[in-house]
Structure formats: structure tokens, C-alpha cells
Amino acid sequence: MTATGLIATALAAGPAAAAGIPTAVGVDHIGVTVPNLKEGLAFFTDVLGCDYVYTAGPFSDPKGDWMKTNLNVDPKAVTTLAMVRCGPTQNVELFEYSGMPNQVKTPLLNSDVGGNHIAFYVEDIDKAVAYLKSVPGVKVLGDPTPVAGQPNGGERFVYFLTPWGMNMEVLTYPKGLEYEKSTDKRLYSVSKGQ
């Protein structure tokens, strides 16, 4: 079939279904497993400035497979969770799991499959880095790095590790990002509230 024939067939079939999860309107929260919920909550509230909202659990199914079937964890797992709100737009769900004989206790590197980080927008990155360096157990990785010649040019960022080794980042781009010059598409900007 020719390209014209393919296009005619596609148009005759009607509009294609939109890609993505039907009825989804956005990301509600990010989930993070911490080694100790009390310490994780203290870090997110006292150090990062997030607001505590609630704690739920513990949850388990000692006689069944609910934990394996629904959360893809060891069937004997027990979990308690807490929700925090970080700034005006992001909810973070913290989990502590116990009761599993083979739980991996080493945090993933950014390069590992499933590796992740949470990035906090700051207005003064040098002040933010000085503060993070003063927090016991936090390790700042290098110095703020300016980005140029890339779509995210205009950004300065630095990664840091929490006391339990989770990857996090602080970044700033007060004059916007380079990609904004070539498209009308926009990432959500916490600094602009849009």
C-alpha cells in the first residue's frame, strides 16, 4: 500500500484514541521507600521543609498474597506510610517496609534501572547548597553545575544524598530554559506557578 493509501485508510477509520491513561489529569504523588519512617518524615519535614499530612497503617496480609498481588512485594511484608506535601504542587508518599527476608537495603544509583531522584527548585542555589552541607548525614555531590548548549541550558543544578543514600537534587533556572525559545511547549514551573 502506498503512503497515500495508508493515510486514506487511517482517515476513514476515524480519530485514533488518545495516548495515555484514560481520564488521567496528572501526577498525584511520588512514592519513596525509606529505611525508617520516623527518620524519613523528620528529614522531609525538618530538613526539606515539606508539610506532614497523615500516617496510615501498618498494612499486611499474614495469611495471604495481597501484598505480592497488589504491591509486588514479599507476601510477608508489612508497610506503614506517611504523606507529606512539598511546596504547592507535589505530594510525596513515604513507605517503611519490614518483615521481608530479602529486602535490598542499598539505595539505587541514578544509573540503575528504576533509579530515581526528587528535584527541588530553589531561588538561590548557593544558599541552598551551603544549607545542605550543614545538615548532618547529607552529602552534596560536587558543586552547582551550569548547563549551556542543551534544551535545559540556563539551569544550574547539584545532586545530594539523603542520610540513607537516596538521590535528590536542587536546581534553579531564574531566566528560563533554552528549549523555551524553540517551542510553545512548557514544563510546569514551580517558580512561576504554571
N, C-alpha and C. Protein backbone atom coordinates (compact mmCIF):
# COMPACT_ATOMS: atom_id res chain seq x y z
N MET A 1 0.85 -1.18 0.00
CA MET A 1 0.00 0.00 0.00
C MET A 1 0.89 1.23 0.00
N THR A 2 0.49 2.24 -0.76
CA THR A 2 1.26 3.48 -0.83
C THR A 2 1.01 4.33 0.41
N ALA A 3 1.86 5.35 0.60
CA ALA A 3 1.69 6.26 1.74
C ALA A 3 0.34 6.95 1.67
N THR A 4 -0.10 7.33 0.46
CA THR A 4 -1.40 7.98 0.30
C THR A 4 -2.52 7.03 0.71
N GLY A 5 -2.37 5.76 0.35
CA GLY A 5 -3.36 4.75 0.72
C GLY A 5 -3.42 4.54 2.23
N LEU A 6 -2.27 4.54 2.88
CA LEU A 6 -2.24 4.40 4.34
C LEU A 6 -2.94 5.57 5.02
N ILE A 7 -2.68 6.77 4.54
CA ILE A 7 -3.31 7.96 5.13
C ILE A 7 -4.82 7.91 4.91
N ALA A 8 -5.26 7.53 3.71
CA ALA A 8 -6.70 7.45 3.42
C ALA A 8 -7.36 6.40 4.31
N THR A 9 -6.70 5.26 4.52
CA THR A 9 -7.24 4.22 5.39
C THR A 9 -7.36 4.72 6.82
N ALA A 10 -6.33 5.41 7.30
CA ALA A 10 -6.34 5.94 8.66
C ALA A 10 -7.45 6.97 8.84
N LEU A 11 -7.63 7.84 7.86
CA LEU A 11 -8.68 8.86 7.95
C LEU A 11 -10.07 8.23 7.91
N ALA A 12 -10.23 7.18 7.13
CA ALA A 12 -11.53 6.51 7.03
C ALA A 12 -11.88 5.80 8.33
N ALA A 13 -10.86 5.36 9.06
CA ALA A 13 -11.10 4.63 10.32
C ALA A 13 -11.58 5.56 11.43
N GLY A 14 -11.43 6.85 11.26
CA GLY A 14 -11.85 7.80 12.28
C GLY A 14 -10.70 8.19 13.20
N PRO A 15 -10.99 9.07 14.17
CA PRO A 15 -9.93 9.56 15.04
C PRO A 15 -9.36 8.44 15.91
N ALA A 16 -8.06 8.48 16.07
CA ALA A 16 -7.39 7.49 16.92
C ALA A 16 -7.62 7.84 18.38
N ALA A 17 -7.61 6.83 19.22
CA ALA A 17 -7.74 7.05 20.66
C ALA A 17 -6.53 7.82 21.16
N ALA A 18 -6.76 8.72 22.10
CA ALA A 18 -5.66 9.49 22.67
C ALA A 18 -4.72 8.55 23.41
N ALA A 19 -3.44 8.84 23.32
CA ALA A 19 -2.45 8.04 24.03
C ALA A 19 -2.50 8.40 25.52
N GLY A 20 -2.21 7.44 26.35
CA GLY A 20 -2.16 7.69 27.78
C GLY A 20 -3.29 7.02 28.52
N ILE A 21 -3.30 7.22 29.82
CA ILE A 21 -4.30 6.61 30.69
C ILE A 21 -5.62 7.37 30.54
N PRO A 22 -6.68 6.71 30.15
CA PRO A 22 -7.96 7.41 30.01
C PRO A 22 -8.35 8.11 31.30
N THR A 23 -8.77 9.32 31.22
CA THR A 23 -9.26 10.22 32.28
C THR A 23 -8.17 10.74 33.22
N ALA A 24 -6.89 10.38 32.99
CA ALA A 24 -5.81 10.88 33.86
C ALA A 24 -5.68 12.39 33.71
N VAL A 25 -5.48 13.07 34.82
CA VAL A 25 -5.31 14.53 34.79
C VAL A 25 -3.95 14.99 35.30
N GLY A 26 -3.14 14.09 35.83
CA GLY A 26 -1.81 14.49 36.28
C GLY A 26 -1.26 13.52 37.31
N VAL A 27 -0.07 13.84 37.78
CA VAL A 27 0.60 13.03 38.80
C VAL A 27 0.09 13.46 40.17
N ASP A 28 -0.42 12.52 40.96
CA ASP A 28 -0.93 12.82 42.30
C ASP A 28 0.18 12.84 43.33
N HIS A 29 1.10 11.86 43.26
CA HIS A 29 2.18 11.80 44.24
C HIS A 29 3.32 10.94 43.72
N ILE A 30 4.44 11.05 44.38
CA ILE A 30 5.60 10.20 44.15
C ILE A 30 5.76 9.35 45.40
N GLY A 31 6.05 8.06 45.25
CA GLY A 31 6.26 7.17 46.38
C GLY A 31 7.74 6.87 46.57
N VAL A 32 8.18 6.89 47.83
CA VAL A 32 9.59 6.67 48.17
C VAL A 32 9.64 5.73 49.36
N THR A 33 10.45 4.69 49.29
CA THR A 33 10.66 3.81 50.43
C THR A 33 11.87 4.30 51.21
N VAL A 34 11.69 4.45 52.51
CA VAL A 34 12.76 4.89 53.40
C VAL A 34 13.05 3.77 54.40
N PRO A 35 14.27 3.73 54.96
CA PRO A 35 14.57 2.64 55.89
C PRO A 35 13.85 2.78 57.23
N ASN A 36 13.52 4.00 57.64
CA ASN A 36 12.86 4.25 58.91
C ASN A 36 11.88 5.40 58.72
N LEU A 37 10.59 5.14 58.90
CA LEU A 37 9.57 6.15 58.59
C LEU A 37 9.71 7.39 59.47
N LYS A 38 9.97 7.21 60.75
CA LYS A 38 10.11 8.36 61.65
C LYS A 38 11.27 9.26 61.20
N GLU A 39 12.41 8.65 60.87
CA GLU A 39 13.57 9.42 60.42
C GLU A 39 13.32 10.03 59.04
N GLY A 40 12.66 9.28 58.14
CA GLY A 40 12.34 9.81 56.82
C GLY A 40 11.41 11.01 56.91
N LEU A 41 10.39 10.90 57.77
CA LEU A 41 9.47 12.04 57.97
C LEU A 41 10.21 13.24 58.53
N ALA A 42 11.09 13.01 59.50
CA ALA A 42 11.85 14.13 60.07
C ALA A 42 12.69 14.80 59.00
N PHE A 43 13.31 14.03 58.11
CA PHE A 43 14.12 14.62 57.05
C PHE A 43 13.27 15.44 56.09
N PHE A 44 12.16 14.85 55.65
CA PHE A 44 11.31 15.56 54.68
C PHE A 44 10.68 16.82 55.28
N THR A 45 10.34 16.79 56.57
CA THR A 45 9.71 17.97 57.18
C THR A 45 10.73 18.96 57.72
N ASP A 46 11.67 18.48 58.53
CA ASP A 46 12.61 19.38 59.20
C ASP A 46 13.71 19.90 58.28
N VAL A 47 14.22 19.05 57.39
CA VAL A 47 15.33 19.44 56.53
C VAL A 47 14.84 20.01 55.19
N LEU A 48 13.90 19.31 54.55
CA LEU A 48 13.43 19.74 53.23
C LEU A 48 12.28 20.74 53.30
N GLY A 49 11.61 20.83 54.44
CA GLY A 49 10.53 21.82 54.60
C GLY A 49 9.18 21.37 54.10
N CYS A 50 8.99 20.08 53.89
CA CYS A 50 7.69 19.58 53.46
C CYS A 50 6.73 19.59 54.65
N ASP A 51 5.44 19.60 54.38
CA ASP A 51 4.42 19.59 55.42
C ASP A 51 3.89 18.17 55.61
N TYR A 52 3.88 17.71 56.86
CA TYR A 52 3.31 16.41 57.20
C TYR A 52 1.79 16.49 57.04
N VAL A 53 1.19 15.45 56.44
CA VAL A 53 -0.25 15.42 56.26
C VAL A 53 -0.88 14.28 57.07
N TYR A 54 -0.44 13.03 56.87
CA TYR A 54 -1.00 11.93 57.65
C TYR A 54 -0.11 10.69 57.58
N THR A 55 -0.37 9.75 58.49
CA THR A 55 0.26 8.43 58.51
C THR A 55 -0.85 7.38 58.45
N ALA A 56 -0.61 6.28 57.75
CA ALA A 56 -1.59 5.19 57.64
C ALA A 56 -0.89 3.85 57.79
N GLY A 57 -1.59 2.88 58.36
CA GLY A 57 -1.05 1.55 58.51
C GLY A 57 -0.71 1.26 59.96
N PRO A 58 -0.11 0.14 60.20
CA PRO A 58 0.54 -0.76 59.25
C PRO A 58 -0.45 -1.61 58.45
N PHE A 59 0.00 -1.99 57.25
CA PHE A 59 -0.77 -2.83 56.36
C PHE A 59 0.00 -4.13 56.12
N SER A 60 -0.71 -5.25 56.14
CA SER A 60 -0.10 -6.55 55.85
C SER A 60 -1.20 -7.56 55.56
N ASP A 61 -0.81 -8.72 55.10
CA ASP A 61 -1.73 -9.84 54.87
C ASP A 61 -0.99 -11.11 55.24
N PRO A 62 -0.85 -11.38 56.57
CA PRO A 62 -0.02 -12.50 57.01
C PRO A 62 -0.49 -13.87 56.52
N LYS A 63 -1.73 -14.02 56.12
CA LYS A 63 -2.24 -15.33 55.70
C LYS A 63 -2.47 -15.44 54.19
N GLY A 64 -2.20 -14.35 53.46
CA GLY A 64 -2.49 -14.38 52.04
C GLY A 64 -1.39 -13.74 51.21
N ASP A 65 -1.75 -13.47 49.94
CA ASP A 65 -0.79 -12.91 48.98
C ASP A 65 -1.15 -11.50 48.53
N TRP A 66 -1.98 -10.78 49.30
CA TRP A 66 -2.40 -9.45 48.88
C TRP A 66 -1.21 -8.53 48.62
N MET A 67 -0.21 -8.57 49.49
CA MET A 67 0.95 -7.69 49.34
C MET A 67 1.70 -7.99 48.04
N LYS A 68 1.85 -9.26 47.72
CA LYS A 68 2.53 -9.66 46.48
C LYS A 68 1.67 -9.31 45.28
N THR A 69 0.39 -9.65 45.33
CA THR A 69 -0.51 -9.43 44.20
C THR A 69 -0.69 -7.95 43.89
N ASN A 70 -0.83 -7.12 44.91
CA ASN A 70 -1.19 -5.72 44.70
C ASN A 70 -0.03 -4.73 44.76
N LEU A 71 1.05 -5.08 45.47
CA LEU A 71 2.18 -4.15 45.61
C LEU A 71 3.49 -4.71 45.07
N ASN A 72 3.48 -5.98 44.62
CA ASN A 72 4.66 -6.63 44.07
C ASN A 72 5.81 -6.66 45.08
N VAL A 73 5.47 -6.94 46.34
CA VAL A 73 6.48 -7.10 47.39
C VAL A 73 6.32 -8.49 48.00
N ASP A 74 7.24 -8.85 48.87
CA ASP A 74 7.17 -10.15 49.56
C ASP A 74 5.80 -10.30 50.22
N PRO A 75 5.16 -11.47 50.12
CA PRO A 75 3.83 -11.65 50.72
C PRO A 75 3.80 -11.39 52.22
N LYS A 76 4.93 -11.54 52.90
CA LYS A 76 5.00 -11.34 54.34
C LYS A 76 5.31 -9.89 54.72
N ALA A 77 5.43 -9.01 53.74
CA ALA A 77 5.79 -7.62 54.00
C ALA A 77 4.73 -6.92 54.85
N VAL A 78 5.22 -6.01 55.67
CA VAL A 78 4.38 -5.12 56.46
C VAL A 78 4.82 -3.71 56.09
N THR A 79 3.87 -2.82 55.84
CA THR A 79 4.25 -1.45 55.48
C THR A 79 3.39 -0.44 56.23
N THR A 80 4.01 0.67 56.54
CA THR A 80 3.33 1.84 57.06
C THR A 80 3.72 2.98 56.15
N LEU A 81 2.80 3.90 55.91
CA LEU A 81 3.09 5.00 55.00
C LEU A 81 2.74 6.33 55.64
N ALA A 82 3.36 7.37 55.12
CA ALA A 82 3.05 8.74 55.54
C ALA A 82 3.05 9.61 54.30
N MET A 83 2.16 10.58 54.29
CA MET A 83 2.09 11.53 53.17
C MET A 83 2.59 12.89 53.64
N VAL A 84 3.40 13.52 52.78
CA VAL A 84 3.86 14.88 53.00
C VAL A 84 3.58 15.68 51.74
N ARG A 85 3.48 16.98 51.91
CA ARG A 85 3.31 17.87 50.76
C ARG A 85 4.52 18.79 50.71
N CYS A 86 5.19 18.77 49.56
CA CYS A 86 6.39 19.57 49.37
C CYS A 86 6.08 20.73 48.43
N GLY A 87 5.91 21.91 48.99
CA GLY A 87 5.56 23.06 48.18
C GLY A 87 4.12 22.98 47.72
N PRO A 88 3.75 23.82 46.77
CA PRO A 88 2.34 23.90 46.37
C PRO A 88 1.86 22.78 45.45
N THR A 89 2.78 21.99 44.90
CA THR A 89 2.37 21.10 43.82
C THR A 89 2.72 19.64 43.98
N GLN A 90 3.51 19.25 44.97
CA GLN A 90 3.97 17.87 44.98
C GLN A 90 3.70 17.16 46.30
N ASN A 91 3.00 16.04 46.21
CA ASN A 91 2.79 15.15 47.35
C ASN A 91 3.80 14.02 47.25
N VAL A 92 4.37 13.62 48.39
CA VAL A 92 5.31 12.51 48.43
C VAL A 92 4.82 11.52 49.48
N GLU A 93 4.72 10.25 49.08
CA GLU A 93 4.28 9.18 49.96
C GLU A 93 5.52 8.41 50.40
N LEU A 94 5.76 8.39 51.70
CA LEU A 94 6.91 7.69 52.26
C LEU A 94 6.45 6.34 52.80
N PHE A 95 7.17 5.28 52.47
CA PHE A 95 6.87 3.94 52.94
C PHE A 95 8.02 3.41 53.78
N GLU A 96 7.68 2.67 54.83
CA GLU A 96 8.66 1.84 55.53
C GLU A 96 8.14 0.41 55.45
N TYR A 97 8.97 -0.50 54.94
CA TYR A 97 8.61 -1.91 54.84
C TYR A 97 9.42 -2.71 55.84
N SER A 98 8.80 -3.76 56.39
CA SER A 98 9.51 -4.69 57.26
C SER A 98 8.94 -6.08 57.03
N GLY A 99 9.56 -7.09 57.66
CA GLY A 99 9.05 -8.46 57.59
C GLY A 99 9.47 -9.22 56.36
N MET A 100 10.42 -8.70 55.61
CA MET A 100 10.85 -9.37 54.38
C MET A 100 12.28 -9.86 54.54
N PRO A 101 12.52 -11.14 54.29
CA PRO A 101 13.87 -11.66 54.49
C PRO A 101 14.89 -11.16 53.46
N ASN A 102 14.46 -10.79 52.27
CA ASN A 102 15.40 -10.42 51.20
C ASN A 102 15.30 -8.97 50.77
N GLN A 103 14.89 -8.08 51.66
CA GLN A 103 14.77 -6.67 51.29
C GLN A 103 16.15 -6.08 50.98
N VAL A 104 16.26 -5.42 49.84
CA VAL A 104 17.51 -4.74 49.46
C VAL A 104 17.56 -3.43 50.23
N LYS A 105 18.65 -3.22 50.95
CA LYS A 105 18.77 -2.03 51.80
C LYS A 105 19.67 -0.96 51.18
N THR A 106 20.28 -1.26 50.03
CA THR A 106 21.16 -0.30 49.38
C THR A 106 20.36 0.51 48.36
N PRO A 107 20.33 1.85 48.50
CA PRO A 107 19.59 2.66 47.53
C PRO A 107 20.17 2.52 46.12
N LEU A 108 19.30 2.63 45.13
CA LEU A 108 19.73 2.56 43.74
C LEU A 108 20.54 3.79 43.36
N LEU A 109 21.49 3.58 42.46
CA LEU A 109 22.19 4.70 41.85
C LEU A 109 21.30 5.28 40.74
N ASN A 110 21.56 6.50 40.34
CA ASN A 110 20.80 7.07 39.22
C ASN A 110 20.93 6.22 37.97
N SER A 111 22.04 5.53 37.80
CA SER A 111 22.28 4.73 36.61
C SER A 111 21.61 3.36 36.66
N ASP A 112 21.10 2.95 37.82
CA ASP A 112 20.43 1.65 37.94
C ASP A 112 19.02 1.74 37.37
N VAL A 113 18.56 0.66 36.76
CA VAL A 113 17.18 0.61 36.27
C VAL A 113 16.26 0.82 37.48
N GLY A 114 15.36 1.76 37.38
CA GLY A 114 14.50 2.11 38.49
C GLY A 114 15.09 3.21 39.36
N GLY A 115 16.33 3.61 39.06
CA GLY A 115 16.95 4.71 39.79
C GLY A 115 16.09 5.96 39.67
N ASN A 116 16.14 6.81 40.67
CA ASN A 116 15.28 7.99 40.65
C ASN A 116 15.87 9.07 41.52
N HIS A 117 15.27 10.24 41.48
CA HIS A 117 15.61 11.33 42.37
C HIS A 117 14.44 12.29 42.45
N ILE A 118 14.43 13.10 43.47
CA ILE A 118 13.46 14.18 43.59
C ILE A 118 14.23 15.48 43.49
N ALA A 119 13.77 16.40 42.65
CA ALA A 119 14.45 17.67 42.45
C ALA A 119 13.62 18.80 43.05
N PHE A 120 14.29 19.66 43.81
CA PHE A 120 13.66 20.82 44.44
C PHE A 120 14.14 22.08 43.75
N TYR A 121 13.19 22.89 43.27
CA TYR A 121 13.54 24.18 42.67
C TYR A 121 13.86 25.15 43.80
N VAL A 122 14.99 25.86 43.67
CA VAL A 122 15.39 26.86 44.66
C VAL A 122 15.65 28.18 43.94
N GLU A 123 15.48 29.27 44.65
CA GLU A 123 15.75 30.58 44.05
C GLU A 123 17.21 30.97 44.20
N ASP A 124 17.90 30.47 45.23
CA ASP A 124 19.31 30.77 45.46
C ASP A 124 20.04 29.46 45.71
N ILE A 125 20.63 28.90 44.65
CA ILE A 125 21.24 27.58 44.76
C ILE A 125 22.46 27.59 45.67
N ASP A 126 23.22 28.68 45.69
CA ASP A 126 24.40 28.72 46.55
C ASP A 126 23.99 28.70 48.02
N LYS A 127 22.96 29.41 48.36
CA LYS A 127 22.44 29.40 49.73
C LYS A 127 21.89 28.01 50.07
N ALA A 128 21.19 27.38 49.13
CA ALA A 128 20.64 26.04 49.35
C ALA A 128 21.75 25.02 49.57
N VAL A 129 22.81 25.09 48.78
CA VAL A 129 23.93 24.15 48.91
C VAL A 129 24.64 24.35 50.25
N ALA A 130 24.86 25.60 50.64
CA ALA A 130 25.50 25.87 51.93
C ALA A 130 24.67 25.26 53.06
N TYR A 131 23.35 25.41 52.97
CA TYR A 131 22.47 24.83 53.98
C TYR A 131 22.58 23.30 53.99
N LEU A 132 22.50 22.67 52.82
CA LEU A 132 22.56 21.22 52.75
C LEU A 132 23.89 20.69 53.29
N LYS A 133 24.98 21.39 53.02
CA LYS A 133 26.29 20.98 53.54
C LYS A 133 26.34 21.04 55.06
N SER A 134 25.46 21.84 55.68
CA SER A 134 25.46 21.96 57.14
C SER A 134 24.61 20.89 57.82
N VAL A 135 23.84 20.13 57.04
CA VAL A 135 22.94 19.12 57.61
C VAL A 135 23.70 17.82 57.82
N PRO A 136 23.78 17.33 59.06
CA PRO A 136 24.48 16.07 59.33
C PRO A 136 23.89 14.92 58.50
N GLY A 137 24.77 14.13 57.88
CA GLY A 137 24.36 12.97 57.11
C GLY A 137 24.07 13.25 55.65
N VAL A 138 23.92 14.52 55.26
CA VAL A 138 23.67 14.86 53.86
C VAL A 138 25.01 14.99 53.15
N LYS A 139 25.11 14.43 51.96
CA LYS A 139 26.33 14.54 51.16
C LYS A 139 26.00 15.26 49.86
N VAL A 140 26.56 16.45 49.68
CA VAL A 140 26.39 17.21 48.44
C VAL A 140 27.41 16.69 47.44
N LEU A 141 26.97 16.35 46.24
CA LEU A 141 27.84 15.77 45.21
C LEU A 141 28.35 16.86 44.28
N GLY A 142 29.53 17.34 44.53
CA GLY A 142 30.12 18.36 43.68
C GLY A 142 29.59 19.74 43.97
N ASP A 143 29.74 20.60 42.98
CA ASP A 143 29.30 22.00 43.07
C ASP A 143 28.18 22.24 42.07
N PRO A 144 27.40 23.30 42.25
CA PRO A 144 26.36 23.59 41.26
C PRO A 144 26.96 23.70 39.85
N THR A 145 26.33 22.98 38.93
CA THR A 145 26.82 22.91 37.56
C THR A 145 25.91 23.72 36.64
N PRO A 146 26.48 24.70 35.91
CA PRO A 146 25.67 25.43 34.93
C PRO A 146 25.54 24.60 33.65
N VAL A 147 24.37 24.65 33.03
CA VAL A 147 24.12 23.93 31.79
C VAL A 147 24.01 24.95 30.66
N ALA A 148 24.66 24.66 29.54
CA ALA A 148 24.59 25.52 28.35
C ALA A 148 24.60 24.62 27.11
N GLY A 149 24.03 25.14 26.03
CA GLY A 149 24.06 24.42 24.76
C GLY A 149 23.17 23.19 24.72
N GLN A 150 22.22 23.10 25.62
CA GLN A 150 21.27 21.98 25.69
C GLN A 150 19.87 22.56 25.88
N PRO A 151 18.82 21.77 25.66
CA PRO A 151 17.47 22.26 25.90
C PRO A 151 17.27 22.78 27.33
N ASN A 152 17.99 22.21 28.29
CA ASN A 152 17.89 22.68 29.68
C ASN A 152 18.97 23.70 30.02
N GLY A 153 19.55 24.31 28.99
CA GLY A 153 20.51 25.39 29.20
C GLY A 153 19.85 26.53 29.98
N GLY A 154 20.62 27.16 30.85
CA GLY A 154 20.09 28.19 31.74
C GLY A 154 19.88 27.67 33.14
N GLU A 155 20.00 26.37 33.29
CA GLU A 155 19.81 25.70 34.58
C GLU A 155 21.14 25.58 35.31
N ARG A 156 21.10 25.66 36.63
CA ARG A 156 22.23 25.26 37.50
C ARG A 156 21.68 24.21 38.44
N PHE A 157 22.43 23.12 38.63
CA PHE A 157 21.92 22.03 39.47
C PHE A 157 23.06 21.39 40.25
N VAL A 158 22.69 20.71 41.31
CA VAL A 158 23.62 19.86 42.06
C VAL A 158 22.81 18.76 42.72
N TYR A 159 23.36 17.55 42.73
CA TYR A 159 22.73 16.42 43.40
C TYR A 159 23.24 16.34 44.84
N PHE A 160 22.41 15.73 45.69
CA PHE A 160 22.85 15.42 47.04
C PHE A 160 22.21 14.11 47.47
N LEU A 161 22.82 13.49 48.50
CA LEU A 161 22.31 12.23 49.03
C LEU A 161 21.73 12.47 50.41
N THR A 162 20.58 11.85 50.67
CA THR A 162 19.98 11.90 52.00
C THR A 162 20.83 11.05 52.95
N PRO A 163 20.58 11.12 54.25
CA PRO A 163 21.35 10.27 55.17
C PRO A 163 21.23 8.78 54.88
N TRP A 164 20.15 8.33 54.23
CA TRP A 164 20.03 6.91 53.89
C TRP A 164 20.47 6.62 52.46
N GLY A 165 20.98 7.64 51.75
CA GLY A 165 21.58 7.43 50.43
C GLY A 165 20.70 7.66 49.24
N MET A 166 19.50 8.20 49.42
CA MET A 166 18.61 8.48 48.29
C MET A 166 19.11 9.70 47.52
N ASN A 167 19.00 9.63 46.19
CA ASN A 167 19.39 10.74 45.32
C ASN A 167 18.35 11.85 45.36
N MET A 168 18.83 13.08 45.52
CA MET A 168 17.98 14.26 45.41
C MET A 168 18.77 15.34 44.68
N GLU A 169 18.08 16.40 44.30
CA GLU A 169 18.70 17.47 43.52
C GLU A 169 18.10 18.80 43.91
N VAL A 170 18.91 19.84 43.87
CA VAL A 170 18.40 21.21 43.89
C VAL A 170 18.81 21.85 42.57
N LEU A 171 17.93 22.67 42.01
CA LEU A 171 18.22 23.33 40.75
C LEU A 171 17.53 24.67 40.69
N THR A 172 18.02 25.50 39.78
CA THR A 172 17.41 26.81 39.56
C THR A 172 17.59 27.19 38.10
N TYR A 173 16.66 27.95 37.56
CA TYR A 173 16.76 28.49 36.20
C TYR A 173 15.94 29.78 36.17
N PRO A 174 16.41 30.81 36.85
CA PRO A 174 15.64 32.04 37.01
C PRO A 174 15.31 32.77 35.70
N LYS A 175 16.10 32.56 34.66
CA LYS A 175 15.84 33.23 33.38
C LYS A 175 15.20 32.30 32.36
N GLY A 176 14.71 31.15 32.83
CA GLY A 176 14.08 30.19 31.93
C GLY A 176 15.09 29.21 31.36
N LEU A 177 14.60 28.33 30.49
CA LEU A 177 15.42 27.29 29.89
C LEU A 177 15.50 27.49 28.38
N GLU A 178 16.58 27.03 27.79
CA GLU A 178 16.83 27.23 26.36
C GLU A 178 15.70 26.69 25.47
N TYR A 179 15.13 25.55 25.82
CA TYR A 179 14.11 24.94 24.96
C TYR A 179 12.93 25.88 24.73
N GLU A 180 12.69 26.80 25.68
CA GLU A 180 11.54 27.70 25.59
C GLU A 180 11.61 28.63 24.38
N LYS A 181 12.81 28.79 23.81
CA LYS A 181 12.99 29.66 22.64
C LYS A 181 12.54 29.00 21.34
N SER A 182 12.40 27.66 21.35
CA SER A 182 12.11 26.97 20.10
C SER A 182 10.76 26.27 20.06
N THR A 183 9.98 26.37 21.13
CA THR A 183 8.67 25.70 21.14
C THR A 183 7.74 26.43 22.11
N ASP A 184 6.44 26.25 21.89
CA ASP A 184 5.48 26.83 22.84
C ASP A 184 5.15 25.83 23.94
N LYS A 185 5.69 24.60 23.89
CA LYS A 185 5.50 23.62 24.96
C LYS A 185 6.23 24.11 26.20
N ARG A 186 5.65 23.86 27.38
CA ARG A 186 6.26 24.30 28.62
C ARG A 186 6.16 23.22 29.68
N LEU A 187 7.26 23.02 30.40
CA LEU A 187 7.23 22.22 31.60
C LEU A 187 6.54 23.03 32.69
N TYR A 188 5.94 22.36 33.66
CA TYR A 188 5.39 23.09 34.78
C TYR A 188 6.54 23.75 35.53
N SER A 189 6.37 25.00 35.88
CA SER A 189 7.40 25.75 36.61
C SER A 189 6.88 26.08 37.99
N VAL A 190 7.47 25.45 39.00
CA VAL A 190 7.04 25.71 40.35
C VAL A 190 7.33 27.17 40.73
N SER A 191 8.37 27.76 40.15
CA SER A 191 8.70 29.15 40.48
C SER A 191 7.68 30.13 39.91
N LYS A 192 7.07 29.77 38.77
CA LYS A 192 6.06 30.63 38.16
C LYS A 192 4.64 30.22 38.50
N GLY A 193 4.48 29.04 39.10
CA GLY A 193 3.17 28.55 39.45
C GLY A 193 2.32 28.20 38.23
N GLN A 194 2.96 27.77 37.16
CA GLN A 194 2.23 27.40 35.94
C GLN A 194 2.99 26.39 35.12
